[in-house]
Amino acid sequence: MRAIGFADTEDAAARWLNHHSADWDLAIVDLFLKEGSGLGILEACQHRRPHQRMVVLTNYATADVRARCRQLGADAVFDKSHDIDALIDYCTAHDVRV
């Protein structure tokens, strides 16, 4: 896997992902950004291509946060403090190289 984009605000991330819709396979989204929220990014990308995955990597992976992320189209939610191996396993299972 190689990084092809980065944004630290909701608007910049949503705009990049939607304007480069053919260029990415996996978006790793943090909930807390410089401006806006990762939830807004998930919402903005609900009509992505079927092969594109969106996962959330956060320090706040409570049951409520996980449920809300799933409602907004997240394919998976990982906790930064103890789910890094699970994120790598997820990427491997979905043929995303890390």
C-alpha atoms as a PDB file:
ATOM      1  CA  MET A   1       0.000   0.000   0.000  1.00  0.00           C
ATOM      2  CA  ARG A   2       1.198   3.489  -0.680  1.00  0.00           C
ATOM      3  CA  ALA A   3      -0.222   6.729   0.585  1.00  0.00           C
ATOM      4  CA  ILE A   4      -1.580   8.906  -2.192  1.00  0.00           C
ATOM      5  CA  GLY A   5      -3.347  11.556  -0.184  1.00  0.00           C
ATOM      6  CA  PHE A   6      -3.606  13.165   3.199  1.00  0.00           C
ATOM      7  CA  ALA A   7      -5.878  15.777   4.700  1.00  0.00           C
ATOM      8  CA  ASP A   8      -6.294  17.172   8.187  1.00  0.00           C
ATOM      9  CA  THR A   9      -9.761  18.683   7.744  1.00  0.00           C
ATOM     10  CA  GLU A  10     -13.131  17.171   6.932  1.00  0.00           C
ATOM     11  CA  ASP A  11     -13.717  19.340   3.857  1.00  0.00           C
ATOM     12  CA  ALA A  12     -10.281  18.718   2.354  1.00  0.00           C
ATOM     13  CA  ALA A  13     -10.511  14.956   2.876  1.00  0.00           C
ATOM     14  CA  ALA A  14     -14.051  14.600   1.520  1.00  0.00           C
ATOM     15  CA  ARG A  15     -13.218  16.781  -1.469  1.00  0.00           C
ATOM     16  CA  TRP A  16     -10.034  14.835  -2.277  1.00  0.00           C
ATOM     17  CA  LEU A  17     -11.669  11.419  -1.913  1.00  0.00           C
ATOM     18  CA  ASN A  18     -14.620  12.393  -4.110  1.00  0.00           C
ATOM     19  CA  HIS A  19     -12.541  14.174  -6.782  1.00  0.00           C
ATOM     20  CA  HIS A  20     -10.086  11.257  -6.969  1.00  0.00           C
ATOM     21  CA  SER A  21     -12.714   8.556  -6.764  1.00  0.00           C
ATOM     22  CA  ALA A  22     -10.850   6.207  -9.108  1.00  0.00           C
ATOM     23  CA  ASP A  23      -7.499   6.597  -7.362  1.00  0.00           C
ATOM     24  CA  TRP A  24      -7.952   5.031  -3.940  1.00  0.00           C
ATOM     25  CA  ASP A  25      -8.847   1.633  -2.487  1.00  0.00           C
ATOM     26  CA  LEU A  26      -8.637   2.270   1.257  1.00  0.00           C
ATOM     27  CA  ALA A  27      -9.241   5.392   3.308  1.00  0.00           C
ATOM     28  CA  ILE A  28      -8.186   5.379   6.941  1.00  0.00           C
ATOM     29  CA  VAL A  29     -10.194   8.036   8.731  1.00  0.00           C
ATOM     30  CA  ASP A  30      -9.572   9.587  12.137  1.00  0.00           C
ATOM     31  CA  LEU A  31     -12.596  11.051  13.914  1.00  0.00           C
ATOM     32  CA  PHE A  32     -10.839  14.092  15.372  1.00  0.00           C
ATOM     33  CA  LEU A  33      -9.466  16.502  12.798  1.00  0.00           C
ATOM     34  CA  LYS A  34      -8.119  20.037  12.712  1.00  0.00           C
ATOM     35  CA  GLU A  35     -11.544  21.130  11.431  1.00  0.00           C
ATOM     36  CA  GLY A  36     -14.674  19.022  11.159  1.00  0.00           C
ATOM     37  CA  SER A  37     -14.983  15.340  11.929  1.00  0.00           C
ATOM     38  CA  GLY A  38     -14.205  11.986  10.405  1.00  0.00           C
ATOM     39  CA  LEU A  39     -17.932  11.290  10.630  1.00  0.00           C
ATOM     40  CA  GLY A  40     -18.468  13.936   7.962  1.00  0.00           C
ATOM     41  CA  ILE A  41     -15.920  12.224   5.727  1.00  0.00           C
ATOM     42  CA  LEU A  42     -17.752   8.928   6.071  1.00  0.00           C
ATOM     43  CA  GLU A  43     -21.029  10.620   5.239  1.00  0.00           C
ATOM     44  CA  ALA A  44     -19.567  12.383   2.200  1.00  0.00           C
ATOM     45  CA  CYS A  45     -18.247   9.100   0.785  1.00  0.00           C
ATOM     46  CA  GLN A  46     -21.288   6.883   1.212  1.00  0.00           C
ATOM     47  CA  HIS A  47     -21.609   6.487  -2.571  1.00  0.00           C
ATOM     48  CA  ARG A  48     -18.078   5.261  -3.160  1.00  0.00           C
ATOM     49  CA  ARG A  49     -17.262   2.366  -5.488  1.00  0.00           C
ATOM     50  CA  PRO A  50     -18.002  -1.132  -4.150  1.00  0.00           C
ATOM     51  CA  HIS A  51     -14.315  -2.144  -3.866  1.00  0.00           C
ATOM     52  CA  GLN A  52     -13.342   0.957  -1.898  1.00  0.00           C
ATOM     53  CA  ARG A  53     -13.001   0.486   1.836  1.00  0.00           C
ATOM     54  CA  MET A  54     -13.274   3.097   4.551  1.00  0.00           C
ATOM     55  CA  VAL A  55     -12.041   2.292   8.020  1.00  0.00           C
ATOM     56  CA  VAL A  56     -11.904   4.418  11.132  1.00  0.00           C
ATOM     57  CA  LEU A  57      -8.817   4.429  13.346  1.00  0.00           C
ATOM     58  CA  THR A  58      -9.499   6.292  16.572  1.00  0.00           C
ATOM     59  CA  ASN A  59      -8.744   6.488  20.271  1.00  0.00           C
ATOM     60  CA  TYR A  60     -12.492   6.656  20.929  1.00  0.00           C
ATOM     61  CA  ALA A  61     -13.816   3.348  19.643  1.00  0.00           C
ATOM     62  CA  THR A  62     -16.725   3.082  22.076  1.00  0.00           C
ATOM     63  CA  ALA A  63     -19.769   0.985  21.202  1.00  0.00           C
ATOM     64  CA  ASP A  64     -21.732   4.144  20.321  1.00  0.00           C
ATOM     65  CA  VAL A  65     -18.948   5.505  18.114  1.00  0.00           C
ATOM     66  CA  ARG A  66     -18.575   2.147  16.351  1.00  0.00           C
ATOM     67  CA  ALA A  67     -22.328   1.996  15.700  1.00  0.00           C
ATOM     68  CA  ARG A  68     -22.424   5.548  14.327  1.00  0.00           C
ATOM     69  CA  CYS A  69     -19.443   4.897  12.067  1.00  0.00           C
ATOM     70  CA  ARG A  70     -21.126   1.763  10.713  1.00  0.00           C
ATOM     71  CA  GLN A  71     -24.343   3.720  10.085  1.00  0.00           C
ATOM     72  CA  LEU A  72     -22.335   6.190   8.020  1.00  0.00           C
ATOM     73  CA  GLY A  73     -20.715   3.464   5.940  1.00  0.00           C
ATOM     74  CA  ALA A  74     -17.475   2.548   7.710  1.00  0.00           C
ATOM     75  CA  ASP A  75     -16.377  -0.951   6.805  1.00  0.00           C
ATOM     76  CA  ALA A  76     -14.546  -1.333  10.110  1.00  0.00           C
ATOM     77  CA  VAL A  77     -13.534   0.620  13.210  1.00  0.00           C
ATOM     78  CA  PHE A  78     -10.210   0.123  14.983  1.00  0.00           C
ATOM     79  CA  ASP A  79      -8.907   1.483  18.269  1.00  0.00           C
ATOM     80  CA  LYS A  80      -5.474   3.103  17.954  1.00  0.00           C
ATOM     81  CA  SER A  81      -4.338   1.834  21.332  1.00  0.00           C
ATOM     82  CA  HIS A  82      -4.885  -1.891  20.763  1.00  0.00           C
ATOM     83  CA  ASP A  83      -6.247  -2.711  17.286  1.00  0.00           C
ATOM     84  CA  ILE A  84      -3.254  -2.000  15.032  1.00  0.00           C
ATOM     85  CA  ASP A  85      -2.696  -5.729  14.424  1.00  0.00           C
ATOM     86  CA  ALA A  86      -6.394  -6.099  13.620  1.00  0.00           C
ATOM     87  CA  LEU A  87      -6.117  -3.236  11.112  1.00  0.00           C
ATOM     88  CA  ILE A  88      -3.198  -4.977   9.411  1.00  0.00           C
ATOM     89  CA  ASP A  89      -5.139  -8.248   9.394  1.00  0.00           C
ATOM     90  CA  TYR A  90      -8.104  -6.431   7.847  1.00  0.00           C
ATOM     91  CA  CYS A  91      -5.921  -4.971   5.113  1.00  0.00           C
ATOM     92  CA  THR A  92      -4.382  -8.379   4.418  1.00  0.00           C
ATOM     93  CA  ALA A  93      -7.787 -10.065   4.251  1.00  0.00           C
ATOM     94  CA  HIS A  94      -8.970  -7.456   1.743  1.00  0.00           C
ATOM     95  CA  ASP A  95      -5.827  -7.626  -0.407  1.00  0.00           C
ATOM     96  CA  VAL A  96      -4.600  -4.200   0.679  1.00  0.00           C
ATOM     97  CA  ARG A  97      -0.853  -4.297   1.167  1.00  0.00           C
ATOM     98  CA  VAL A  98       0.579  -2.471   4.158  1.00  0.00           C
END
